[in-house]
Amino acid sequence: MGFYLTKIVVTVVLVVLASEVAKRSSFLGALFASVPLVSVLAIVWLHIDTGSTEKVRTFAGSIFWLVLPSLVLFVSLPFLLKQGLSFYPAMTASILLTIFCYWLMVVVLAHFGIRL
């Protein structure tokens, strides 16, 4: 239970730190947020929890393929905001578009025999 709480605290502190840094500097906040902290933490936690390099390898490979459609959010959100859409509708549309791209990526990869 103690390790589980440690994982939660470390993860929460890093997310809050990224948002606080972004208040002072968009560049530094973006730099901090662009580092794949969630992925790195999840990989470390998975390795500690299972000790399985095979699970880590599979997980990291899946992350690679799913990063590509996630980039749609970071293209569509600024575009929609620039077009004059207010924040929440733009965020909602961007998230829905990203979900669609995740689905599309899984379908395309399955067509080539890659299962996530």
N, C-alpha and C. Protein backbone atom coordinates (compact mmCIF):
# COMPACT_ATOMS: atom_id res chain seq x y z
N MET A 1 0.82 -1.19 0.00
CA MET A 1 0.00 0.00 0.00
C MET A 1 0.87 1.26 0.00
N GLY A 2 1.98 1.24 0.70
CA GLY A 2 2.87 2.39 0.76
C GLY A 2 3.46 2.73 -0.59
N PHE A 3 3.84 1.70 -1.35
CA PHE A 3 4.41 1.94 -2.67
C PHE A 3 3.35 2.50 -3.61
N TYR A 4 2.12 2.02 -3.50
CA TYR A 4 1.01 2.51 -4.31
C TYR A 4 0.80 4.00 -4.04
N LEU A 5 0.80 4.40 -2.78
CA LEU A 5 0.65 5.81 -2.43
C LEU A 5 1.83 6.64 -2.94
N THR A 6 3.04 6.08 -2.88
CA THR A 6 4.22 6.76 -3.40
C THR A 6 4.06 7.03 -4.90
N LYS A 7 3.56 6.04 -5.62
CA LYS A 7 3.35 6.21 -7.06
C LYS A 7 2.36 7.34 -7.32
N ILE A 8 1.29 7.39 -6.55
CA ILE A 8 0.28 8.44 -6.73
C ILE A 8 0.87 9.81 -6.43
N VAL A 9 1.57 9.93 -5.32
CA VAL A 9 2.13 11.23 -4.92
C VAL A 9 3.15 11.73 -5.94
N VAL A 10 4.06 10.88 -6.37
CA VAL A 10 5.08 11.29 -7.35
C VAL A 10 4.41 11.74 -8.65
N THR A 11 3.44 10.98 -9.12
CA THR A 11 2.76 11.30 -10.36
C THR A 11 2.01 12.63 -10.25
N VAL A 12 1.28 12.82 -9.17
CA VAL A 12 0.50 14.05 -8.97
C VAL A 12 1.44 15.25 -8.86
N VAL A 13 2.51 15.12 -8.12
CA VAL A 13 3.45 16.23 -7.97
C VAL A 13 4.01 16.66 -9.32
N LEU A 14 4.35 15.71 -10.18
CA LEU A 14 4.90 16.06 -11.49
C LEU A 14 3.88 16.76 -12.38
N VAL A 15 2.64 16.34 -12.34
CA VAL A 15 1.60 16.99 -13.14
C VAL A 15 1.34 18.41 -12.63
N VAL A 16 1.23 18.58 -11.33
CA VAL A 16 1.02 19.90 -10.75
C VAL A 16 2.23 20.80 -11.05
N LEU A 17 3.42 20.26 -10.94
CA LEU A 17 4.63 21.03 -11.24
C LEU A 17 4.61 21.54 -12.69
N ALA A 18 4.19 20.69 -13.62
CA ALA A 18 4.13 21.10 -15.03
C ALA A 18 3.15 22.25 -15.21
N SER A 19 1.99 22.18 -14.58
CA SER A 19 1.02 23.26 -14.74
C SER A 19 1.49 24.55 -14.06
N GLU A 20 2.17 24.43 -12.93
CA GLU A 20 2.69 25.62 -12.25
C GLU A 20 3.81 26.28 -13.04
N VAL A 21 4.68 25.48 -13.61
CA VAL A 21 5.77 26.02 -14.44
C VAL A 21 5.17 26.73 -15.66
N ALA A 22 4.12 26.16 -16.25
CA ALA A 22 3.49 26.74 -17.44
C ALA A 22 2.88 28.11 -17.15
N LYS A 23 2.47 28.36 -15.91
CA LYS A 23 1.93 29.68 -15.54
C LYS A 23 3.00 30.76 -15.67
N ARG A 24 4.23 30.39 -15.41
CA ARG A 24 5.33 31.36 -15.42
C ARG A 24 6.03 31.43 -16.78
N SER A 25 6.08 30.31 -17.47
CA SER A 25 6.75 30.26 -18.77
C SER A 25 6.09 29.20 -19.64
N SER A 26 5.46 29.65 -20.72
CA SER A 26 4.83 28.70 -21.63
C SER A 26 5.86 27.72 -22.19
N PHE A 27 7.03 28.25 -22.53
CA PHE A 27 8.07 27.41 -23.11
C PHE A 27 8.52 26.34 -22.12
N LEU A 28 8.87 26.74 -20.90
CA LEU A 28 9.34 25.77 -19.92
C LEU A 28 8.24 24.78 -19.53
N GLY A 29 7.01 25.27 -19.41
CA GLY A 29 5.89 24.38 -19.11
C GLY A 29 5.68 23.37 -20.22
N ALA A 30 5.76 23.84 -21.47
CA ALA A 30 5.61 22.94 -22.61
C ALA A 30 6.76 21.95 -22.68
N LEU A 31 7.96 22.42 -22.41
CA LEU A 31 9.12 21.53 -22.42
C LEU A 31 8.95 20.43 -21.37
N PHE A 32 8.56 20.83 -20.18
CA PHE A 32 8.35 19.88 -19.10
C PHE A 32 7.23 18.90 -19.44
N ALA A 33 6.14 19.41 -19.99
CA ALA A 33 4.99 18.56 -20.32
C ALA A 33 5.28 17.67 -21.53
N SER A 34 6.17 18.11 -22.42
CA SER A 34 6.43 17.31 -23.62
C SER A 34 7.32 16.10 -23.34
N VAL A 35 8.06 16.16 -22.26
CA VAL A 35 8.83 14.98 -21.86
C VAL A 35 7.81 13.91 -21.49
N PRO A 36 7.94 12.73 -22.00
CA PRO A 36 6.91 11.72 -21.76
C PRO A 36 6.92 11.19 -20.33
N LEU A 37 6.63 12.10 -19.38
CA LEU A 37 6.69 11.73 -17.96
C LEU A 37 5.74 10.61 -17.60
N VAL A 38 4.53 10.68 -18.11
CA VAL A 38 3.56 9.63 -17.78
C VAL A 38 4.06 8.29 -18.30
N SER A 39 4.57 8.29 -19.52
CA SER A 39 5.08 7.04 -20.10
C SER A 39 6.28 6.52 -19.31
N VAL A 40 7.21 7.40 -19.00
CA VAL A 40 8.41 6.99 -18.26
C VAL A 40 8.01 6.47 -16.88
N LEU A 41 7.14 7.20 -16.19
CA LEU A 41 6.69 6.73 -14.87
C LEU A 41 5.98 5.39 -14.97
N ALA A 42 5.09 5.25 -15.95
CA ALA A 42 4.36 4.00 -16.10
C ALA A 42 5.31 2.84 -16.40
N ILE A 43 6.34 3.09 -17.21
CA ILE A 43 7.33 2.06 -17.52
C ILE A 43 8.11 1.67 -16.26
N VAL A 44 8.53 2.67 -15.50
CA VAL A 44 9.27 2.39 -14.26
C VAL A 44 8.38 1.63 -13.28
N TRP A 45 7.14 2.10 -13.09
CA TRP A 45 6.23 1.42 -12.16
C TRP A 45 5.97 -0.01 -12.63
N LEU A 46 5.78 -0.22 -13.94
CA LEU A 46 5.54 -1.56 -14.47
C LEU A 46 6.74 -2.47 -14.20
N HIS A 47 7.94 -1.95 -14.43
CA HIS A 47 9.14 -2.76 -14.19
C HIS A 47 9.28 -3.11 -12.71
N ILE A 48 9.06 -2.12 -11.84
CA ILE A 48 9.17 -2.38 -10.41
C ILE A 48 8.11 -3.39 -9.97
N ASP A 49 6.89 -3.22 -10.48
CA ASP A 49 5.78 -4.10 -10.07
C ASP A 49 5.93 -5.53 -10.59
N THR A 50 6.44 -5.68 -11.85
CA THR A 50 6.45 -7.01 -12.46
C THR A 50 7.85 -7.60 -12.63
N GLY A 51 8.87 -6.74 -12.75
CA GLY A 51 10.22 -7.21 -13.02
C GLY A 51 10.36 -7.81 -14.41
N SER A 52 9.35 -7.63 -15.25
CA SER A 52 9.33 -8.26 -16.57
C SER A 52 9.79 -7.29 -17.65
N THR A 53 10.95 -7.58 -18.23
CA THR A 53 11.41 -6.74 -19.35
C THR A 53 10.54 -6.98 -20.58
N GLU A 54 9.94 -8.16 -20.70
CA GLU A 54 9.04 -8.44 -21.83
C GLU A 54 7.81 -7.54 -21.77
N LYS A 55 7.22 -7.39 -20.59
CA LYS A 55 6.06 -6.51 -20.43
C LYS A 55 6.45 -5.06 -20.71
N VAL A 56 7.62 -4.66 -20.24
CA VAL A 56 8.10 -3.30 -20.50
C VAL A 56 8.31 -3.09 -21.99
N ARG A 57 8.91 -4.08 -22.66
CA ARG A 57 9.16 -3.97 -24.10
C ARG A 57 7.85 -3.83 -24.87
N THR A 58 6.89 -4.67 -24.55
CA THR A 58 5.59 -4.63 -25.23
C THR A 58 4.88 -3.31 -24.96
N PHE A 59 4.90 -2.88 -23.72
CA PHE A 59 4.26 -1.63 -23.32
C PHE A 59 4.89 -0.44 -24.04
N ALA A 60 6.22 -0.37 -24.06
CA ALA A 60 6.91 0.74 -24.72
C ALA A 60 6.63 0.74 -26.23
N GLY A 61 6.56 -0.43 -26.83
CA GLY A 61 6.23 -0.51 -28.26
C GLY A 61 4.83 -0.01 -28.53
N SER A 62 3.89 -0.35 -27.67
CA SER A 62 2.51 0.13 -27.83
C SER A 62 2.44 1.64 -27.65
N ILE A 63 3.19 2.17 -26.70
CA ILE A 63 3.22 3.62 -26.50
C ILE A 63 3.69 4.30 -27.78
N PHE A 64 4.74 3.76 -28.41
CA PHE A 64 5.25 4.35 -29.64
C PHE A 64 4.14 4.52 -30.67
N TRP A 65 3.40 3.44 -30.93
CA TRP A 65 2.36 3.51 -31.95
C TRP A 65 1.23 4.46 -31.56
N LEU A 66 0.93 4.58 -30.29
CA LEU A 66 -0.18 5.42 -29.86
C LEU A 66 0.20 6.88 -29.66
N VAL A 67 1.48 7.18 -29.64
CA VAL A 67 1.91 8.59 -29.59
C VAL A 67 1.54 9.29 -30.89
N LEU A 68 1.65 8.58 -31.99
CA LEU A 68 1.39 9.20 -33.29
C LEU A 68 -0.02 9.78 -33.38
N PRO A 69 -1.09 9.02 -33.09
CA PRO A 69 -2.41 9.65 -33.16
C PRO A 69 -2.66 10.68 -32.05
N SER A 70 -1.94 10.58 -30.95
CA SER A 70 -2.14 11.56 -29.88
C SER A 70 -1.69 12.96 -30.31
N LEU A 71 -0.81 13.03 -31.29
CA LEU A 71 -0.33 14.33 -31.77
C LEU A 71 -1.45 15.14 -32.44
N VAL A 72 -2.50 14.46 -32.86
CA VAL A 72 -3.64 15.14 -33.48
C VAL A 72 -4.23 16.18 -32.53
N LEU A 73 -4.26 15.87 -31.24
CA LEU A 73 -4.79 16.82 -30.26
C LEU A 73 -4.01 18.13 -30.29
N PHE A 74 -2.69 18.03 -30.39
CA PHE A 74 -1.84 19.21 -30.31
C PHE A 74 -1.80 20.00 -31.62
N VAL A 75 -2.34 19.42 -32.67
CA VAL A 75 -2.49 20.14 -33.94
C VAL A 75 -3.89 20.74 -34.02
N SER A 76 -4.89 19.93 -33.68
CA SER A 76 -6.27 20.39 -33.84
C SER A 76 -6.68 21.45 -32.81
N LEU A 77 -6.24 21.33 -31.57
CA LEU A 77 -6.66 22.29 -30.54
C LEU A 77 -6.22 23.71 -30.87
N PRO A 78 -4.94 23.96 -31.15
CA PRO A 78 -4.56 25.34 -31.49
C PRO A 78 -5.26 25.83 -32.77
N PHE A 79 -5.43 24.92 -33.73
CA PHE A 79 -6.10 25.30 -34.97
C PHE A 79 -7.53 25.75 -34.70
N LEU A 80 -8.28 24.95 -33.93
CA LEU A 80 -9.67 25.29 -33.63
C LEU A 80 -9.79 26.56 -32.81
N LEU A 81 -8.88 26.75 -31.87
CA LEU A 81 -8.89 27.98 -31.07
C LEU A 81 -8.60 29.20 -31.95
N LYS A 82 -7.67 29.04 -32.87
CA LYS A 82 -7.33 30.14 -33.79
C LYS A 82 -8.50 30.48 -34.71
N GLN A 83 -9.32 29.47 -35.01
CA GLN A 83 -10.49 29.69 -35.86
C GLN A 83 -11.63 30.36 -35.10
N GLY A 84 -11.45 30.60 -33.80
CA GLY A 84 -12.44 31.32 -33.01
C GLY A 84 -13.35 30.45 -32.18
N LEU A 85 -13.15 29.14 -32.20
CA LEU A 85 -13.95 28.26 -31.36
C LEU A 85 -13.54 28.48 -29.91
N SER A 86 -14.50 28.51 -29.00
CA SER A 86 -14.15 28.72 -27.60
C SER A 86 -13.47 27.46 -27.04
N PHE A 87 -12.87 27.60 -25.87
CA PHE A 87 -12.00 26.57 -25.33
C PHE A 87 -12.66 25.20 -25.20
N TYR A 88 -13.79 25.11 -24.49
CA TYR A 88 -14.36 23.79 -24.22
C TYR A 88 -14.87 23.07 -25.47
N PRO A 89 -15.53 23.76 -26.39
CA PRO A 89 -15.88 23.06 -27.64
C PRO A 89 -14.64 22.64 -28.45
N ALA A 90 -13.62 23.49 -28.46
CA ALA A 90 -12.39 23.14 -29.19
C ALA A 90 -11.71 21.94 -28.54
N MET A 91 -11.65 21.92 -27.21
CA MET A 91 -11.04 20.79 -26.50
C MET A 91 -11.84 19.52 -26.74
N THR A 92 -13.17 19.62 -26.67
CA THR A 92 -14.02 18.45 -26.90
C THR A 92 -13.82 17.90 -28.31
N ALA A 93 -13.85 18.78 -29.30
CA ALA A 93 -13.66 18.34 -30.68
C ALA A 93 -12.29 17.72 -30.88
N SER A 94 -11.27 18.31 -30.28
CA SER A 94 -9.91 17.78 -30.39
C SER A 94 -9.79 16.40 -29.75
N ILE A 95 -10.41 16.23 -28.61
CA ILE A 95 -10.37 14.93 -27.93
C ILE A 95 -11.11 13.88 -28.76
N LEU A 96 -12.27 14.24 -29.29
CA LEU A 96 -13.03 13.29 -30.11
C LEU A 96 -12.26 12.92 -31.38
N LEU A 97 -11.63 13.89 -31.99
CA LEU A 97 -10.81 13.63 -33.18
C LEU A 97 -9.63 12.72 -32.83
N THR A 98 -9.03 12.96 -31.68
CA THR A 98 -7.91 12.13 -31.23
C THR A 98 -8.36 10.70 -30.96
N ILE A 99 -9.52 10.54 -30.33
CA ILE A 99 -10.06 9.20 -30.08
C ILE A 99 -10.28 8.47 -31.40
N PHE A 100 -10.84 9.18 -32.38
CA PHE A 100 -11.04 8.58 -33.70
C PHE A 100 -9.70 8.15 -34.30
N CYS A 101 -8.68 8.98 -34.16
CA CYS A 101 -7.35 8.65 -34.71
C CYS A 101 -6.72 7.46 -33.98
N TYR A 102 -6.96 7.35 -32.66
CA TYR A 102 -6.50 6.16 -31.93
C TYR A 102 -7.15 4.91 -32.53
N TRP A 103 -8.47 4.96 -32.71
CA TRP A 103 -9.18 3.83 -33.27
C TRP A 103 -8.63 3.49 -34.66
N LEU A 104 -8.46 4.52 -35.48
CA LEU A 104 -7.94 4.31 -36.83
C LEU A 104 -6.55 3.67 -36.81
N MET A 105 -5.69 4.12 -35.91
CA MET A 105 -4.35 3.56 -35.80
C MET A 105 -4.41 2.08 -35.43
N VAL A 106 -5.26 1.73 -34.48
CA VAL A 106 -5.39 0.33 -34.07
C VAL A 106 -5.88 -0.52 -35.24
N VAL A 107 -6.85 -0.02 -35.99
CA VAL A 107 -7.38 -0.75 -37.14
C VAL A 107 -6.30 -0.93 -38.21
N VAL A 108 -5.58 0.15 -38.52
CA VAL A 108 -4.52 0.09 -39.55
C VAL A 108 -3.41 -0.87 -39.12
N LEU A 109 -2.97 -0.78 -37.88
CA LEU A 109 -1.93 -1.67 -37.39
C LEU A 109 -2.38 -3.13 -37.43
N ALA A 110 -3.63 -3.38 -37.05
CA ALA A 110 -4.15 -4.76 -37.09
C ALA A 110 -4.15 -5.29 -38.51
N HIS A 111 -4.40 -4.42 -39.47
CA HIS A 111 -4.37 -4.83 -40.88
C HIS A 111 -2.98 -5.33 -41.27
N PHE A 112 -1.94 -4.76 -40.65
CA PHE A 112 -0.57 -5.17 -40.92
C PHE A 112 -0.05 -6.21 -39.93
N GLY A 113 -0.95 -6.76 -39.12
CA GLY A 113 -0.57 -7.82 -38.19
C GLY A 113 0.05 -7.34 -36.89
N ILE A 114 -0.03 -6.06 -36.61
CA ILE A 114 0.52 -5.52 -35.36
C ILE A 114 -0.62 -5.35 -34.38
N ARG A 115 -0.54 -6.07 -33.26
CA ARG A 115 -1.59 -6.00 -32.24
C ARG A 115 -1.04 -5.28 -31.01
N LEU A 116 -1.82 -4.33 -30.55
CA LEU A 116 -1.39 -3.57 -29.37
C LEU A 116 -1.98 -4.17 -28.11
